[in-house]
Amino acid sequence: MNIATPATLGEWNAAGADYLPGLLGICFIKVELDEVVATLEVRRALGAWNGYLHAGTVTSLADTCCGYGTVRNLPAGASGFTTMELKNNLLGTAREGTVTCTARPVHRGRTTQVWDAEVRRDSDNALIATFRNTQLILWPQG
């Protein structure tokens, strides 16, 4: 598995269009070495039966931002990555509107990367989740 790094924002959005990011409606507005930003429109299909945004939706948004950041920062020769560990503290929620996730690297090594992310409600900038993700960098075998 070799991951080709998209060159434009349109390519970053297209890369996930047929996968979970596309299904959720994640829209990337920035994918840089030191920061990844994406938005998500809150809708019923992404919620829980109680009317709140589902924790899995928030986690998927943050994990995807951290993953795209990892791809953007893969060391030369690496064949890809996989999530080793993630931690999400859910502090609030959203019932409507848009949420935005901002992810930043904490550590970018040869064998691991660690990323932190925040998810905020756009209407009032309220923090609804803090997220930490550790990625294992994969190397060609043989």
C-alpha atoms as a PDB file:
ATOM      1  CA  MET A   1       0.000   0.000   0.000  1.00  0.00           C
ATOM      2  CA  ASN A   2       1.619   3.222  -1.143  1.00  0.00           C
ATOM      3  CA  ILE A   3      -0.339   6.377  -0.448  1.00  0.00           C
ATOM      4  CA  ALA A   4      -0.022   9.078  -3.091  1.00  0.00           C
ATOM      5  CA  THR A   5      -0.095  12.517  -1.517  1.00  0.00           C
ATOM      6  CA  PRO A   6      -2.706  14.769  -3.129  1.00  0.00           C
ATOM      7  CA  ALA A   7      -1.351  18.084  -4.410  1.00  0.00           C
ATOM      8  CA  THR A   8      -4.428  20.330  -4.287  1.00  0.00           C
ATOM      9  CA  LEU A   9      -7.316  20.843  -1.893  1.00  0.00           C
ATOM     10  CA  GLY A  10      -9.656  19.445  -4.537  1.00  0.00           C
ATOM     11  CA  GLU A  11      -7.544  16.271  -4.696  1.00  0.00           C
ATOM     12  CA  TRP A  12      -7.619  15.946  -0.878  1.00  0.00           C
ATOM     13  CA  ASN A  13     -11.416  16.136  -0.909  1.00  0.00           C
ATOM     14  CA  ALA A  14     -11.691  13.758  -3.862  1.00  0.00           C
ATOM     15  CA  ALA A  15      -9.414  11.191  -2.152  1.00  0.00           C
ATOM     16  CA  GLY A  16     -12.039  10.447   0.493  1.00  0.00           C
ATOM     17  CA  ALA A  17     -15.163  11.001  -1.605  1.00  0.00           C
ATOM     18  CA  ASP A  18     -15.922   7.279  -2.064  1.00  0.00           C
ATOM     19  CA  TYR A  19     -15.044   6.379   1.543  1.00  0.00           C
ATOM     20  CA  LEU A  20     -16.197   7.322   5.040  1.00  0.00           C
ATOM     21  CA  PRO A  21     -15.135  10.995   4.758  1.00  0.00           C
ATOM     22  CA  GLY A  22     -17.362  11.365   1.695  1.00  0.00           C
ATOM     23  CA  LEU A  23     -20.223   9.460   3.288  1.00  0.00           C
ATOM     24  CA  LEU A  24     -20.095  11.765   6.311  1.00  0.00           C
ATOM     25  CA  GLY A  25     -19.745  14.874   4.148  1.00  0.00           C
ATOM     26  CA  ILE A  26     -16.369  15.982   5.505  1.00  0.00           C
ATOM     27  CA  CYS A  27     -15.065  18.971   3.534  1.00  0.00           C
ATOM     28  CA  PHE A  28     -11.391  19.852   3.851  1.00  0.00           C
ATOM     29  CA  ILE A  29     -10.564  23.544   3.721  1.00  0.00           C
ATOM     30  CA  LYS A  30      -6.879  23.272   4.653  1.00  0.00           C
ATOM     31  CA  VAL A  31      -4.359  20.400   4.490  1.00  0.00           C
ATOM     32  CA  GLU A  32      -0.917  21.740   5.341  1.00  0.00           C
ATOM     33  CA  LEU A  33       2.115  20.263   7.087  1.00  0.00           C
ATOM     34  CA  ASP A  34       1.304  21.973  10.401  1.00  0.00           C
ATOM     35  CA  GLU A  35      -2.492  22.203  10.294  1.00  0.00           C
ATOM     36  CA  VAL A  36      -5.493  20.401   8.839  1.00  0.00           C
ATOM     37  CA  VAL A  37      -8.971  21.973   8.929  1.00  0.00           C
ATOM     38  CA  ALA A  38     -12.243  20.378   7.839  1.00  0.00           C
ATOM     39  CA  THR A  39     -15.931  21.121   8.249  1.00  0.00           C
ATOM     40  CA  LEU A  40     -18.984  18.943   8.597  1.00  0.00           C
ATOM     41  CA  GLU A  41     -22.644  19.911   8.200  1.00  0.00           C
ATOM     42  CA  VAL A  42     -24.725  18.502  11.047  1.00  0.00           C
ATOM     43  CA  ARG A  43     -27.672  16.495   9.763  1.00  0.00           C
ATOM     44  CA  ARG A  44     -30.021  13.882  11.151  1.00  0.00           C
ATOM     45  CA  ALA A  45     -28.183  10.940   9.564  1.00  0.00           C
ATOM     46  CA  LEU A  46     -25.046  11.844  11.565  1.00  0.00           C
ATOM     47  CA  GLY A  47     -26.857  12.003  14.886  1.00  0.00           C
ATOM     48  CA  ALA A  48     -27.947   9.648  17.603  1.00  0.00           C
ATOM     49  CA  TRP A  49     -31.607   8.847  18.272  1.00  0.00           C
ATOM     50  CA  ASN A  50     -31.649  11.520  21.001  1.00  0.00           C
ATOM     51  CA  GLY A  51     -31.102  14.273  18.430  1.00  0.00           C
ATOM     52  CA  TYR A  52     -27.462  15.066  19.252  1.00  0.00           C
ATOM     53  CA  LEU A  53     -24.494  14.676  16.946  1.00  0.00           C
ATOM     54  CA  HIS A  54     -23.269  11.081  17.335  1.00  0.00           C
ATOM     55  CA  ALA A  55     -19.959  10.597  19.165  1.00  0.00           C
ATOM     56  CA  GLY A  56     -18.817   8.345  16.319  1.00  0.00           C
ATOM     57  CA  THR A  57     -19.347  11.187  13.854  1.00  0.00           C
ATOM     58  CA  VAL A  58     -17.228  13.569  15.918  1.00  0.00           C
ATOM     59  CA  THR A  59     -14.543  10.919  16.385  1.00  0.00           C
ATOM     60  CA  SER A  60     -14.511  10.086  12.670  1.00  0.00           C
ATOM     61  CA  LEU A  61     -14.130  13.763  11.771  1.00  0.00           C
ATOM     62  CA  ALA A  62     -11.178  14.222  14.124  1.00  0.00           C
ATOM     63  CA  ASP A  63      -9.527  10.908  13.181  1.00  0.00           C
ATOM     64  CA  THR A  64      -9.838  11.754   9.486  1.00  0.00           C
ATOM     65  CA  CYS A  65      -8.236  15.174   9.960  1.00  0.00           C
ATOM     66  CA  CYS A  66      -5.341  13.619  11.862  1.00  0.00           C
ATOM     67  CA  GLY A  67      -5.019  10.923   9.193  1.00  0.00           C
ATOM     68  CA  TYR A  68      -4.866  13.426   6.355  1.00  0.00           C
ATOM     69  CA  GLY A  69      -2.232  15.331   8.308  1.00  0.00           C
ATOM     70  CA  THR A  70      -0.240  12.138   8.700  1.00  0.00           C
ATOM     71  CA  VAL A  71      -0.391  11.455   4.957  1.00  0.00           C
ATOM     72  CA  ARG A  72       0.782  15.017   4.303  1.00  0.00           C
ATOM     73  CA  ASN A  73       3.730  14.399   6.657  1.00  0.00           C
ATOM     74  CA  LEU A  74       4.751  10.833   5.756  1.00  0.00           C
ATOM     75  CA  PRO A  75       8.533  10.381   5.753  1.00  0.00           C
ATOM     76  CA  ALA A  76      10.131   9.658   2.387  1.00  0.00           C
ATOM     77  CA  GLY A  77       9.885   5.956   1.572  1.00  0.00           C
ATOM     78  CA  ALA A  78       7.021   5.209   3.980  1.00  0.00           C
ATOM     79  CA  SER A  79       4.257   3.101   2.448  1.00  0.00           C
ATOM     80  CA  GLY A  80       1.407   4.414   4.599  1.00  0.00           C
ATOM     81  CA  PHE A  81       0.159   4.516   8.171  1.00  0.00           C
ATOM     82  CA  THR A  82      -2.461   3.105  10.501  1.00  0.00           C
ATOM     83  CA  THR A  83      -4.093   4.485  13.624  1.00  0.00           C
ATOM     84  CA  MET A  84      -2.570   2.903  16.749  1.00  0.00           C
ATOM     85  CA  GLU A  85      -4.472   4.754  19.436  1.00  0.00           C
ATOM     86  CA  LEU A  86      -7.048   7.481  19.764  1.00  0.00           C
ATOM     87  CA  LYS A  87      -8.649   9.318  22.642  1.00  0.00           C
ATOM     88  CA  ASN A  88     -11.641  11.604  22.361  1.00  0.00           C
ATOM     89  CA  ASN A  89     -13.050  13.771  25.148  1.00  0.00           C
ATOM     90  CA  LEU A  90     -16.572  14.823  24.228  1.00  0.00           C
ATOM     91  CA  LEU A  91     -17.392  18.113  25.942  1.00  0.00           C
ATOM     92  CA  GLY A  92     -20.499  19.214  24.064  1.00  0.00           C
ATOM     93  CA  THR A  93     -22.508  18.557  20.949  1.00  0.00           C
ATOM     94  CA  ALA A  94     -24.383  20.144  18.057  1.00  0.00           C
ATOM     95  CA  ARG A  95     -27.942  19.692  16.812  1.00  0.00           C
ATOM     96  CA  GLU A  96     -27.651  21.836  13.682  1.00  0.00           C
ATOM     97  CA  GLY A  97     -25.267  23.954  11.671  1.00  0.00           C
ATOM     98  CA  THR A  98     -21.636  23.187  11.006  1.00  0.00           C
ATOM     99  CA  VAL A  99     -18.777  21.888  13.108  1.00  0.00           C
ATOM    100  CA  THR A 100     -15.114  22.474  12.317  1.00  0.00           C
ATOM    101  CA  CYS A 101     -12.143  20.308  13.221  1.00  0.00           C
ATOM    102  CA  THR A 102      -8.608  21.669  13.428  1.00  0.00           C
ATOM    103  CA  ALA A 103      -5.744  19.164  13.775  1.00  0.00           C
ATOM    104  CA  ARG A 104      -2.105  19.924  14.510  1.00  0.00           C
ATOM    105  CA  PRO A 105       0.957  17.673  14.863  1.00  0.00           C
ATOM    106  CA  VAL A 106       2.518  17.110  18.275  1.00  0.00           C
ATOM    107  CA  HIS A 107       5.197  14.654  17.077  1.00  0.00           C
ATOM    108  CA  ARG A 108       6.301  13.663  13.571  1.00  0.00           C
ATOM    109  CA  GLY A 109       8.764  10.809  13.807  1.00  0.00           C
ATOM    110  CA  ARG A 110      10.013   7.988  11.596  1.00  0.00           C
ATOM    111  CA  THR A 111       7.860   5.343  13.300  1.00  0.00           C
ATOM    112  CA  THR A 112       4.989   7.333  14.813  1.00  0.00           C
ATOM    113  CA  GLN A 113       3.136  10.593  14.520  1.00  0.00           C
ATOM    114  CA  VAL A 114       0.973  12.121  17.246  1.00  0.00           C
ATOM    115  CA  TRP A 115      -1.764  14.614  16.393  1.00  0.00           C
ATOM    116  CA  ASP A 116      -4.131  16.707  18.505  1.00  0.00           C
ATOM    117  CA  ALA A 117      -7.456  17.980  17.218  1.00  0.00           C
ATOM    118  CA  GLU A 118     -10.304  20.149  18.412  1.00  0.00           C
ATOM    119  CA  VAL A 119     -13.863  20.057  17.131  1.00  0.00           C
ATOM    120  CA  ARG A 120     -15.878  23.252  17.564  1.00  0.00           C
ATOM    121  CA  ARG A 121     -19.444  24.291  16.878  1.00  0.00           C
ATOM    122  CA  ASP A 122     -19.325  27.084  14.289  1.00  0.00           C
ATOM    123  CA  SER A 123     -22.352  28.991  15.600  1.00  0.00           C
ATOM    124  CA  ASP A 124     -20.627  30.001  18.861  1.00  0.00           C
ATOM    125  CA  ASN A 125     -17.106  28.516  18.570  1.00  0.00           C
ATOM    126  CA  ALA A 126     -17.895  26.205  21.515  1.00  0.00           C
ATOM    127  CA  LEU A 127     -15.416  23.368  21.987  1.00  0.00           C
ATOM    128  CA  ILE A 128     -17.288  20.074  21.640  1.00  0.00           C
ATOM    129  CA  ALA A 129     -14.343  17.631  21.546  1.00  0.00           C
ATOM    130  CA  THR A 130     -10.624  17.323  22.161  1.00  0.00           C
ATOM    131  CA  PHE A 131      -8.886  14.467  20.417  1.00  0.00           C
ATOM    132  CA  ARG A 132      -5.436  12.840  20.429  1.00  0.00           C
ATOM    133  CA  ASN A 133      -4.329  10.343  17.811  1.00  0.00           C
ATOM    134  CA  THR A 134      -1.182   8.213  17.489  1.00  0.00           C
ATOM    135  CA  GLN A 135      -0.349   6.916  14.021  1.00  0.00           C
ATOM    136  CA  LEU A 136       2.042   4.056  13.241  1.00  0.00           C
ATOM    137  CA  ILE A 137       4.108   4.742  10.125  1.00  0.00           C
ATOM    138  CA  LEU A 138       4.264   1.729   7.792  1.00  0.00           C
ATOM    139  CA  TRP A 139       7.317   0.797   5.734  1.00  0.00           C
ATOM    140  CA  PRO A 140       7.679  -1.526   2.721  1.00  0.00           C
ATOM    141  CA  GLN A 141       8.421  -5.120   3.677  1.00  0.00           C
ATOM    142  CA  GLY A 142      11.055  -7.280   2.066  1.00  0.00           C
END
